[in-house]
Amino acid sequence: MSTFQAPKGTYDLIPPDSATYLAVREAIAAPLRDSGYGYIETPGFENVELFARGVGESTDIVTKEMYAFETKGGDRLALRPEGTASVLRAALEANLHKTGNLPVKLWYSGSYYRYERPQKGRYRHFSQVGAEAIGAEDPALDAELIILADQAYRSLGLQNFRILLNSLGDKECRPVYRAALQDFLRGLDLDEDTLRRADINPLRVLDDKREAVQKQLGDAPLLRDYLCDACKAYHEEVRELITAAGVAFEDDLKLVRGLDYYTRTTFEFVHDGLGSQSAVGGGGRYDGLSEMIGGPALPSVGWALGVDRTVLALEAEGVALELPATTSVYAVPLGEEARRLLFAKVTELRKVGIAADFAYGGKGLKGAMKNANRSGARYTVVAGERDLAEGVVQLKDMESGEQVAVGVNEIVAELEARLG
C-alpha cells in the first residue's frame, strides 16, 4: 500500500467503475450536442471575487466551503465550487455575446471542489456535466433544458427521479417578497448566523436543511403570492411547454436553489433512493448574473447534473449500464517471432478501429489466457512456432470456445468481418 492516500472527501476513478462514470457523462452530453450546445472548458480555479459576487457572499459555498488561497504573486484565487460563473466569465471574456447569434449555448464537464462534511453523495471533489444558454429570455429555452435533462436521465434507464419546479420572481416583484419574508423571519427563534443571513438574502434561509429552522417555516409567505403578472405568465408558459413534451414535474412552492444568482425559473432533479442527499442536479434562470460580474445585461438559464450522484441513483435502482467492451481482441504470442508478428497485427487491428490488446511481459500460455479472460475480449489470437511454420494463427471465440486456424495474412480481415 502507498504511503499516500486520496485526500479526505475525495475519490479515485479506476477501472472498471470508471467506465460507468464515462457512460453517464456521455449520456448527459449527447442530447446537448444534438441541440446546438458547444463544448467549453474553463480553468479549475478563478479569481475568488468571481464566486463571491456571482454565487453570493451569504451562501455557504462562499462563506464556508470554498477552497481559497493566495498565490505567490498576491492573487486571491479559489478552486471552482460550481460551473456557471466560470462559463459566463469565459463567454464574456471571449465576446461570444457580440457575435449576433444569441443565445450562446454551451455545455461543459469537469471537477468541482467544496469543503463539506464528507458523506455518501456529498464529496469535497465531485464531477458535473452542465449546460448554459446565454443571452435570451425565452420560456422555451428554460423548457428545453429541463426536457434535455429528463431525456438524459431516461436514456440511462433511470425512472425514480422527480423534477421540482418553482419561480423566484424577478427584480420587479422579488423585493416586495423579500421584505415580507424578512419581517416573518425576524419574528422566529433563529440563531445569530441565520438572522444575519436573513438580512443579506432571506431566501437562503428557506434552503436551510436544519430541522430546527424548517419546523418554523411552515407559515412563511410564499413567493407565488407576490409574483408580478409578467413572471406569472412566464412561469405558466414554462409549465405548459414541459407538460406538452410529456415531462412530468411537481410544483414546489418553497424550492430555493443554493446560489444567489437565480431568478424566475428554478428547478431541481431529486431521486428517492439517495436519502438526505436526494438532489442529483438542478438549475434555473439567472438573468442578472452577467451584470453582477461586470458584464452587460444577458438573461440566461442553465443547469448542472451531478455525475457522482447519478451513478448512485443508478445503483439505487439496480440499473446496470450496457458498457462497450474495452477490448475486443487479445493477442497471445508464444515465442519471439510470434511476439513481433502479433504485435504488428494488434497495431493493424487498432488502425481499422478494433479494440485490441496484447499479452505483455512474456507470460506463458496459461497466464496469458487468464489475462485474456479478464480483459473481456470476444476473440483471442494465439500463435506459436508451429503455427507460424504453417502460416496460420489460432483464433478462439471466447464465448463459444470454438477455435479455428486462420491465415496470418487473413486474420485482420477475418476479425473485421466477425466484429463488423
Protein backbone atom coordinates (compact mmCIF):
# COMPACT_ATOMS: atom_id res chain seq x y z
CA MET A 1 0.00 0.00 0.00
CA SER A 2 1.22 3.51 -0.83
CA THR A 3 2.33 5.91 1.88
CA PHE A 4 -0.21 8.37 0.47
CA GLN A 5 -3.98 8.15 0.12
CA ALA A 6 -6.60 10.26 -1.64
CA PRO A 7 -7.42 13.35 0.48
CA LYS A 8 -10.42 13.09 2.78
CA GLY A 9 -13.69 13.57 0.94
CA THR A 10 -12.22 12.73 -2.48
CA TYR A 11 -12.05 9.58 -4.56
CA ASP A 12 -10.19 8.00 -7.45
CA LEU A 13 -11.99 6.76 -10.55
CA ILE A 14 -10.40 3.49 -11.63
CA PRO A 15 -11.46 0.65 -13.96
CA PRO A 16 -13.88 -1.00 -14.19
CA ASP A 17 -16.06 1.51 -12.27
CA SER A 18 -14.70 4.48 -14.22
CA ALA A 19 -16.42 3.15 -17.35
CA THR A 20 -19.81 3.82 -15.74
CA TYR A 21 -18.85 7.42 -14.96
CA LEU A 22 -17.74 7.95 -18.55
CA ALA A 23 -21.01 6.47 -19.83
CA VAL A 24 -23.04 8.79 -17.57
CA ARG A 25 -21.13 11.84 -18.79
CA GLU A 26 -21.69 10.80 -22.39
CA ALA A 27 -25.42 10.15 -21.85
CA ILE A 28 -25.87 13.65 -20.40
CA ALA A 29 -23.76 15.31 -23.09
CA ALA A 30 -25.34 13.54 -26.09
CA PRO A 31 -28.72 15.36 -26.14
CA LEU A 32 -26.92 18.68 -25.58
CA ARG A 33 -24.68 18.18 -28.62
CA ASP A 34 -27.77 17.27 -30.64
CA SER A 35 -29.43 20.54 -29.58
CA GLY A 36 -26.78 23.04 -30.63
CA TYR A 37 -24.70 23.23 -27.45
CA GLY A 38 -20.93 23.60 -27.98
CA TYR A 39 -18.31 22.31 -25.56
CA ILE A 40 -16.47 24.77 -23.29
CA GLU A 41 -13.70 24.15 -20.77
CA THR A 42 -12.58 26.66 -18.12
CA PRO A 43 -9.70 26.70 -15.59
CA GLY A 44 -10.02 24.73 -12.37
CA PHE A 45 -9.51 27.94 -10.40
CA GLU A 46 -10.71 31.53 -10.77
CA ASN A 47 -10.45 34.91 -9.08
CA VAL A 48 -12.16 34.46 -5.72
CA GLU A 49 -14.28 37.57 -6.34
CA LEU A 50 -15.98 35.92 -9.31
CA PHE A 51 -17.68 33.48 -6.95
CA ALA A 52 -18.17 35.99 -4.13
CA ARG A 53 -20.12 38.26 -6.47
CA GLY A 54 -21.82 35.64 -8.60
CA VAL A 55 -22.61 32.79 -6.21
CA GLY A 56 -23.39 35.16 -3.33
CA GLU A 57 -21.49 36.37 -0.27
CA SER A 58 -24.12 34.95 2.11
CA THR A 59 -24.07 31.44 0.67
CA ASP A 60 -22.46 28.53 2.49
CA ILE A 61 -20.39 27.94 -0.64
CA VAL A 62 -18.63 31.30 -0.31
CA THR A 63 -18.57 31.67 3.48
CA LYS A 64 -17.67 28.10 4.45
CA GLU A 65 -16.95 25.78 1.53
CA MET A 66 -14.63 27.44 -0.98
CA TYR A 67 -11.01 26.36 -1.28
CA ALA A 68 -9.50 29.86 -1.45
CA PHE A 69 -5.80 30.68 -1.48
CA GLU A 70 -3.31 33.44 -2.28
CA THR A 71 -0.65 32.89 -4.94
CA LYS A 72 3.00 33.87 -4.61
CA GLY A 73 2.15 36.85 -6.79
CA GLY A 74 -0.57 38.01 -4.40
CA ASP A 75 -3.60 36.94 -6.46
CA ARG A 76 -6.61 35.67 -4.49
CA LEU A 77 -7.90 32.55 -6.23
CA ALA A 78 -10.40 29.78 -5.47
CA LEU A 79 -10.89 26.27 -6.78
CA ARG A 80 -14.17 26.41 -8.68
CA PRO A 81 -17.13 25.33 -6.48
CA GLU A 82 -19.59 25.42 -9.41
CA GLY A 83 -19.55 25.92 -13.16
CA THR A 84 -21.95 28.68 -14.19
CA ALA A 85 -19.96 31.72 -13.06
CA SER A 86 -16.82 30.43 -14.79
CA VAL A 87 -18.63 29.66 -18.04
CA LEU A 88 -20.30 33.08 -18.12
CA ARG A 89 -16.98 34.78 -17.34
CA ALA A 90 -15.33 32.92 -20.23
CA ALA A 91 -18.18 33.75 -22.63
CA LEU A 92 -17.96 37.45 -21.74
CA GLU A 93 -14.17 37.49 -22.00
CA ALA A 94 -14.35 35.93 -25.48
CA ASN A 95 -17.18 38.31 -26.50
CA LEU A 96 -19.35 35.38 -27.57
CA HIS A 97 -22.43 37.51 -26.82
CA LYS A 98 -21.37 40.01 -29.51
CA THR A 99 -21.46 37.54 -32.40
CA GLY A 100 -25.15 38.23 -33.02
CA ASN A 101 -26.06 34.58 -32.63
CA LEU A 102 -27.92 34.52 -29.31
CA PRO A 103 -28.43 32.52 -27.25
CA VAL A 104 -24.89 31.23 -26.87
CA LYS A 105 -25.43 27.56 -25.99
CA LEU A 106 -22.59 25.83 -24.14
CA TRP A 107 -22.03 22.58 -22.27
CA TYR A 108 -19.18 21.50 -20.03
CA SER A 109 -17.91 18.63 -17.91
CA GLY A 110 -15.43 18.79 -15.08
CA SER A 111 -14.45 18.55 -11.44
CA TYR A 112 -15.58 20.97 -8.72
CA TYR A 113 -14.50 21.47 -5.12
CA ARG A 114 -16.25 22.33 -1.86
CA TYR A 115 -15.03 21.91 1.69
CA GLU A 116 -18.01 19.99 3.08
CA ARG A 117 -18.51 17.24 5.63
CA PRO A 118 -17.92 14.09 3.56
CA GLN A 119 -20.80 11.63 3.37
CA LYS A 120 -22.36 9.36 0.78
CA GLY A 121 -23.34 11.50 -2.18
CA ARG A 122 -21.50 14.58 -0.90
CA TYR A 123 -17.79 14.88 -1.58
CA ARG A 124 -15.17 17.61 -1.45
CA HIS A 125 -14.30 16.82 -5.04
CA PHE A 126 -17.18 15.99 -7.38
CA SER A 127 -17.97 15.78 -11.07
CA GLN A 128 -20.71 17.56 -13.01
CA VAL A 129 -21.96 17.97 -16.55
CA GLY A 130 -23.57 21.35 -17.10
CA ALA A 131 -25.32 23.39 -19.78
CA GLU A 132 -25.80 27.14 -20.15
CA ALA A 133 -27.88 29.11 -22.66
CA ILE A 134 -26.67 32.72 -22.53
CA GLY A 135 -28.36 35.82 -23.88
CA ALA A 136 -32.06 35.05 -24.36
CA GLU A 137 -35.16 35.48 -22.22
CA ASP A 138 -37.50 32.82 -23.54
CA PRO A 139 -39.64 30.29 -21.63
CA ALA A 140 -38.96 27.78 -24.41
CA LEU A 141 -35.25 27.87 -23.55
CA ASP A 142 -35.97 27.06 -19.89
CA ALA A 143 -38.26 24.23 -21.01
CA GLU A 144 -35.67 22.93 -23.49
CA LEU A 145 -33.04 22.48 -20.79
CA ILE A 146 -35.42 20.72 -18.42
CA ILE A 147 -36.56 18.41 -21.22
CA LEU A 148 -32.95 17.63 -22.23
CA ALA A 149 -32.02 16.69 -18.67
CA ASP A 150 -35.09 14.46 -18.43
CA GLN A 151 -34.10 12.87 -21.74
CA ALA A 152 -30.56 12.23 -20.48
CA TYR A 153 -31.72 10.56 -17.27
CA ARG A 154 -34.23 8.37 -19.09
CA SER A 155 -31.64 7.31 -21.67
CA LEU A 156 -29.65 5.89 -18.74
CA GLY A 157 -32.67 3.88 -17.60
CA LEU A 158 -33.44 5.99 -14.52
CA GLN A 159 -37.11 6.10 -13.52
CA ASN A 160 -37.41 7.07 -9.86
CA PHE A 161 -36.43 10.72 -10.19
CA ARG A 162 -38.69 13.72 -9.86
CA ILE A 163 -38.49 17.25 -11.24
CA LEU A 164 -39.34 20.03 -8.78
CA LEU A 165 -40.25 23.40 -10.29
CA ASN A 166 -40.73 26.91 -8.92
CA SER A 167 -40.41 30.58 -9.86
CA LEU A 168 -38.29 33.00 -7.84
CA GLY A 169 -39.67 36.12 -9.50
CA ASP A 170 -37.52 38.94 -10.85
CA LYS A 171 -36.12 42.33 -9.84
CA GLU A 172 -39.58 43.86 -10.10
CA CYS A 173 -41.54 41.59 -7.75
CA ARG A 174 -38.97 39.80 -5.61
CA PRO A 175 -38.00 42.85 -3.48
CA VAL A 176 -41.58 43.04 -2.16
CA TYR A 177 -41.49 39.35 -1.26
CA ARG A 178 -38.02 39.73 0.22
CA ALA A 179 -39.26 42.42 2.62
CA ALA A 180 -42.27 40.32 3.65
CA LEU A 181 -40.07 37.27 4.24
CA GLN A 182 -37.59 39.28 6.30
CA ASP A 183 -40.39 40.55 8.53
CA PHE A 184 -41.56 36.96 9.03
CA LEU A 185 -38.06 35.62 9.78
CA ARG A 186 -37.30 38.32 12.33
CA GLY A 187 -40.18 37.02 14.40
CA LEU A 188 -38.72 33.50 14.63
CA ASP A 189 -36.36 31.96 17.15
CA LEU A 190 -33.30 31.82 14.91
CA ASP A 191 -29.61 31.81 15.76
CA GLU A 192 -27.45 34.85 15.10
CA ASP A 193 -25.85 33.43 11.95
CA THR A 194 -29.24 32.64 10.40
CA LEU A 195 -30.59 36.09 11.26
CA ARG A 196 -27.55 37.63 9.59
CA ARG A 197 -28.26 35.55 6.51
CA ALA A 198 -31.90 36.68 6.60
CA ASP A 199 -30.73 40.29 6.39
CA ILE A 200 -28.43 39.62 3.43
CA ASN A 201 -30.56 37.16 1.46
CA PRO A 202 -33.66 35.88 3.26
CA LEU A 203 -34.47 33.34 0.52
CA ARG A 204 -31.37 31.42 1.59
CA VAL A 205 -32.99 30.71 4.96
CA LEU A 206 -35.74 28.77 3.14
CA ASP A 207 -32.98 26.47 1.85
CA ASP A 208 -31.68 25.73 5.37
CA LYS A 209 -31.93 21.96 5.87
CA ARG A 210 -31.77 22.02 9.69
CA GLU A 211 -34.93 20.70 11.33
CA ALA A 212 -34.87 23.44 13.98
CA VAL A 213 -35.19 26.01 11.20
CA GLN A 214 -37.53 24.12 8.88
CA LYS A 215 -40.17 23.49 11.54
CA GLN A 216 -40.53 27.27 12.00
CA LEU A 217 -41.03 27.96 8.29
CA GLY A 218 -44.44 26.33 7.88
CA ASP A 219 -46.28 29.65 7.73
CA ALA A 220 -43.63 31.52 5.75
CA PRO A 221 -45.03 33.70 2.95
CA LEU A 222 -44.87 32.07 -0.49
CA LEU A 223 -43.22 33.79 -3.43
CA ARG A 224 -46.06 32.63 -5.68
CA ASP A 225 -48.36 35.11 -3.95
CA TYR A 226 -46.00 38.00 -4.78
CA LEU A 227 -45.17 37.27 -8.43
CA CYS A 228 -45.87 40.08 -10.88
CA ASP A 229 -48.06 39.39 -13.92
CA ALA A 230 -45.04 39.07 -16.22
CA CYS A 231 -43.40 36.44 -14.01
CA LYS A 232 -46.67 34.54 -13.62
CA ALA A 233 -47.15 34.42 -17.40
CA TYR A 234 -43.53 33.39 -17.98
CA HIS A 235 -43.71 30.58 -15.44
CA GLU A 236 -47.03 29.32 -16.77
CA GLU A 237 -45.60 29.06 -20.29
CA VAL A 238 -42.62 27.06 -18.99
CA ARG A 239 -45.06 24.69 -17.26
CA GLU A 240 -47.19 24.34 -20.40
CA LEU A 241 -44.21 23.60 -22.66
CA ILE A 242 -42.83 20.95 -20.31
CA THR A 243 -46.25 19.35 -19.98
CA ALA A 244 -46.76 19.32 -23.76
CA ALA A 245 -43.43 17.49 -24.10
CA GLY A 246 -44.71 14.73 -21.82
CA VAL A 247 -42.30 15.56 -18.99
CA ALA A 248 -43.82 15.18 -15.53
CA PHE A 249 -42.93 17.68 -12.80
CA GLU A 250 -44.07 18.80 -9.37
CA ASP A 251 -44.68 22.39 -8.31
CA ASP A 252 -42.57 23.07 -5.20
CA LEU A 253 -43.52 26.49 -3.90
CA LYS A 254 -40.68 26.52 -1.37
CA LEU A 255 -37.92 25.42 -3.72
CA VAL A 256 -34.90 27.71 -3.42
CA ARG A 257 -31.58 26.82 -5.01
CA GLY A 258 -28.37 27.26 -3.00
CA LEU A 259 -26.95 30.04 -5.19
CA ASP A 260 -27.93 33.69 -5.09
CA TYR A 261 -27.99 34.38 -8.82
CA TYR A 262 -31.23 32.56 -9.70
CA THR A 263 -34.30 34.45 -10.97
CA ARG A 264 -37.67 33.26 -12.25
CA THR A 265 -37.48 29.59 -13.28
CA THR A 266 -35.73 27.32 -10.80
CA PHE A 267 -35.79 23.53 -10.79
CA GLU A 268 -34.23 20.53 -9.12
CA PHE A 269 -33.93 16.86 -10.01
CA VAL A 270 -34.29 14.60 -6.97
CA HIS A 271 -34.05 10.84 -6.60
CA ASP A 272 -35.95 9.00 -3.90
CA GLY A 273 -33.23 6.37 -3.42
CA LEU A 274 -30.47 8.68 -2.19
CA GLY A 275 -31.63 9.57 1.31
CA SER A 276 -30.77 13.06 2.58
CA GLN A 277 -28.61 13.86 -0.46
CA SER A 278 -31.53 13.39 -2.83
CA ALA A 279 -30.71 16.11 -5.37
CA VAL A 280 -28.98 14.72 -8.45
CA GLY A 281 -28.99 18.02 -10.32
CA GLY A 282 -30.66 21.36 -10.71
CA GLY A 283 -30.57 24.80 -12.21
CA GLY A 284 -32.60 27.76 -13.29
CA ARG A 285 -32.63 31.18 -14.86
CA TYR A 286 -30.02 33.77 -13.83
CA ASP A 287 -30.88 36.95 -15.70
CA GLY A 288 -28.78 39.26 -13.50
CA LEU A 289 -25.55 37.27 -13.12
CA SER A 290 -23.75 38.89 -16.06
CA GLU A 291 -24.20 42.35 -14.55
CA MET A 292 -23.09 41.05 -11.13
CA ILE A 293 -19.70 40.10 -12.58
CA GLY A 294 -19.25 43.27 -14.63
CA GLY A 295 -20.87 42.32 -17.93
CA PRO A 296 -23.90 43.65 -19.82
CA ALA A 297 -27.47 42.51 -19.19
CA LEU A 298 -27.63 38.94 -20.52
CA PRO A 299 -30.67 36.89 -19.49
CA SER A 300 -29.55 33.27 -19.24
CA VAL A 301 -30.56 29.84 -17.99
CA GLY A 302 -28.68 26.64 -17.21
CA TRP A 303 -28.27 23.52 -15.12
CA ALA A 304 -25.65 21.18 -13.68
CA LEU A 305 -26.18 17.44 -13.17
CA GLY A 306 -24.02 15.54 -10.71
CA VAL A 307 -22.22 12.58 -12.26
CA ASP A 308 -21.41 11.04 -8.87
CA ARG A 309 -25.00 11.22 -7.65
CA THR A 310 -26.36 9.97 -10.95
CA VAL A 311 -24.17 6.88 -10.57
CA LEU A 312 -25.52 6.43 -7.02
CA ALA A 313 -29.08 6.77 -8.39
CA LEU A 314 -28.37 4.05 -10.96
CA GLU A 315 -27.08 1.79 -8.18
CA ALA A 316 -30.16 2.54 -6.04
CA GLU A 317 -32.43 1.42 -8.89
CA GLY A 318 -30.27 -1.57 -9.74
CA VAL A 319 -29.64 -0.28 -13.26
CA ALA A 320 -26.55 -1.80 -14.89
CA LEU A 321 -25.47 0.11 -17.98
CA GLU A 322 -24.54 -1.79 -21.12
CA LEU A 323 -20.92 -0.77 -21.45
CA PRO A 324 -18.89 -1.43 -24.59
CA ALA A 325 -16.03 -3.89 -24.16
CA THR A 326 -12.72 -2.13 -23.72
CA THR A 327 -11.02 -4.98 -25.59
CA SER A 328 -12.42 -6.99 -28.50
CA VAL A 329 -9.31 -8.95 -29.42
CA TYR A 330 -6.49 -10.20 -27.20
CA ALA A 331 -3.24 -11.43 -28.77
CA VAL A 332 -1.17 -14.16 -27.10
CA PRO A 333 2.29 -14.78 -28.62
CA LEU A 334 4.33 -17.86 -27.76
CA GLY A 335 7.92 -17.12 -28.69
CA GLU A 336 9.89 -14.15 -30.01
CA GLU A 337 8.88 -14.49 -33.66
CA ALA A 338 5.20 -14.70 -32.71
CA ARG A 339 5.64 -11.72 -30.39
CA ARG A 340 6.83 -9.49 -33.22
CA LEU A 341 4.20 -10.75 -35.66
CA LEU A 342 1.21 -10.41 -33.31
CA PHE A 343 2.34 -7.02 -32.07
CA ALA A 344 2.20 -5.83 -35.69
CA LYS A 345 -1.26 -7.41 -36.14
CA VAL A 346 -2.55 -5.70 -32.98
CA THR A 347 -1.36 -2.38 -34.40
CA GLU A 348 -3.19 -3.12 -37.68
CA LEU A 349 -6.38 -4.00 -35.81
CA ARG A 350 -6.29 -0.74 -33.89
CA LYS A 351 -5.84 1.21 -37.12
CA VAL A 352 -9.07 -0.24 -38.51
CA GLY A 353 -10.95 0.62 -35.32
CA ILE A 354 -10.88 -2.70 -33.46
CA ALA A 355 -10.04 -2.52 -29.75
CA ALA A 356 -7.11 -4.89 -29.32
CA ASP A 357 -4.65 -5.70 -26.54
CA PHE A 358 -1.51 -7.77 -26.21
CA ALA A 359 -0.04 -10.18 -23.66
CA TYR A 360 2.90 -8.12 -22.45
CA GLY A 361 5.59 -9.32 -20.08
CA GLY A 362 6.43 -12.68 -21.65
CA LYS A 363 3.71 -14.66 -19.85
CA GLY A 364 3.20 -18.35 -20.65
CA LEU A 365 0.04 -19.60 -22.34
CA LYS A 366 -1.85 -20.28 -19.10
CA GLY A 367 -1.16 -16.85 -17.57
CA ALA A 368 -1.81 -15.05 -20.85
CA MET A 369 -5.17 -16.78 -21.33
CA LYS A 370 -6.18 -15.73 -17.81
CA ASN A 371 -5.45 -12.15 -18.81
CA ALA A 372 -7.46 -12.63 -21.99
CA ASN A 373 -10.45 -13.77 -19.92
CA ARG A 374 -10.12 -10.80 -17.56
CA SER A 375 -9.94 -8.37 -20.48
CA GLY A 376 -13.44 -9.31 -21.65
CA ALA A 377 -12.19 -9.82 -25.21
CA ARG A 378 -14.54 -11.63 -27.59
CA TYR A 379 -11.66 -13.23 -29.50
CA THR A 380 -8.15 -14.36 -28.64
CA VAL A 381 -5.44 -14.77 -31.26
CA VAL A 382 -2.72 -17.27 -30.30
CA ALA A 383 0.42 -18.03 -32.29
CA GLY A 384 3.38 -20.32 -31.59
CA GLU A 385 6.33 -21.63 -33.60
CA ARG A 386 4.33 -24.48 -35.21
CA ASP A 387 1.52 -22.10 -36.21
CA LEU A 388 3.91 -19.68 -37.86
CA ALA A 389 5.66 -22.50 -39.69
CA GLU A 390 2.26 -23.31 -41.24
CA GLY A 391 1.49 -19.63 -41.92
CA VAL A 392 -1.53 -19.51 -39.56
CA VAL A 393 -2.65 -18.24 -36.16
CA GLN A 394 -5.26 -19.76 -33.86
CA LEU A 395 -8.45 -17.70 -33.49
CA LYS A 396 -10.52 -18.58 -30.41
CA ASP A 397 -14.09 -17.39 -29.80
CA MET A 398 -14.11 -16.72 -26.05
CA GLU A 399 -17.91 -17.10 -25.83
CA SER A 400 -18.39 -20.39 -27.67
CA GLY A 401 -14.92 -21.83 -27.10
CA GLU A 402 -14.61 -22.58 -30.84
CA GLN A 403 -11.05 -22.38 -32.19
CA VAL A 404 -10.03 -22.25 -35.86
CA ALA A 405 -6.81 -21.73 -37.78
CA VAL A 406 -6.72 -18.54 -39.88
CA GLY A 407 -4.00 -17.48 -42.30
CA VAL A 408 -1.59 -14.88 -40.95
CA ASN A 409 -2.40 -12.52 -43.81
CA GLU A 410 -6.17 -13.00 -43.40
CA ILE A 411 -6.55 -12.56 -39.63
CA VAL A 412 -7.25 -8.80 -39.68
CA ALA A 413 -9.91 -9.11 -42.40
CA GLU A 414 -11.44 -12.12 -40.61
CA LEU A 415 -11.77 -10.21 -37.35
CA GLU A 416 -13.19 -7.16 -39.17
CA ALA A 417 -15.86 -9.40 -40.69
CA ARG A 418 -16.71 -11.08 -37.39
CA LEU A 419 -16.82 -7.87 -35.35
CA GLY A 420 -18.28 -5.59 -38.01
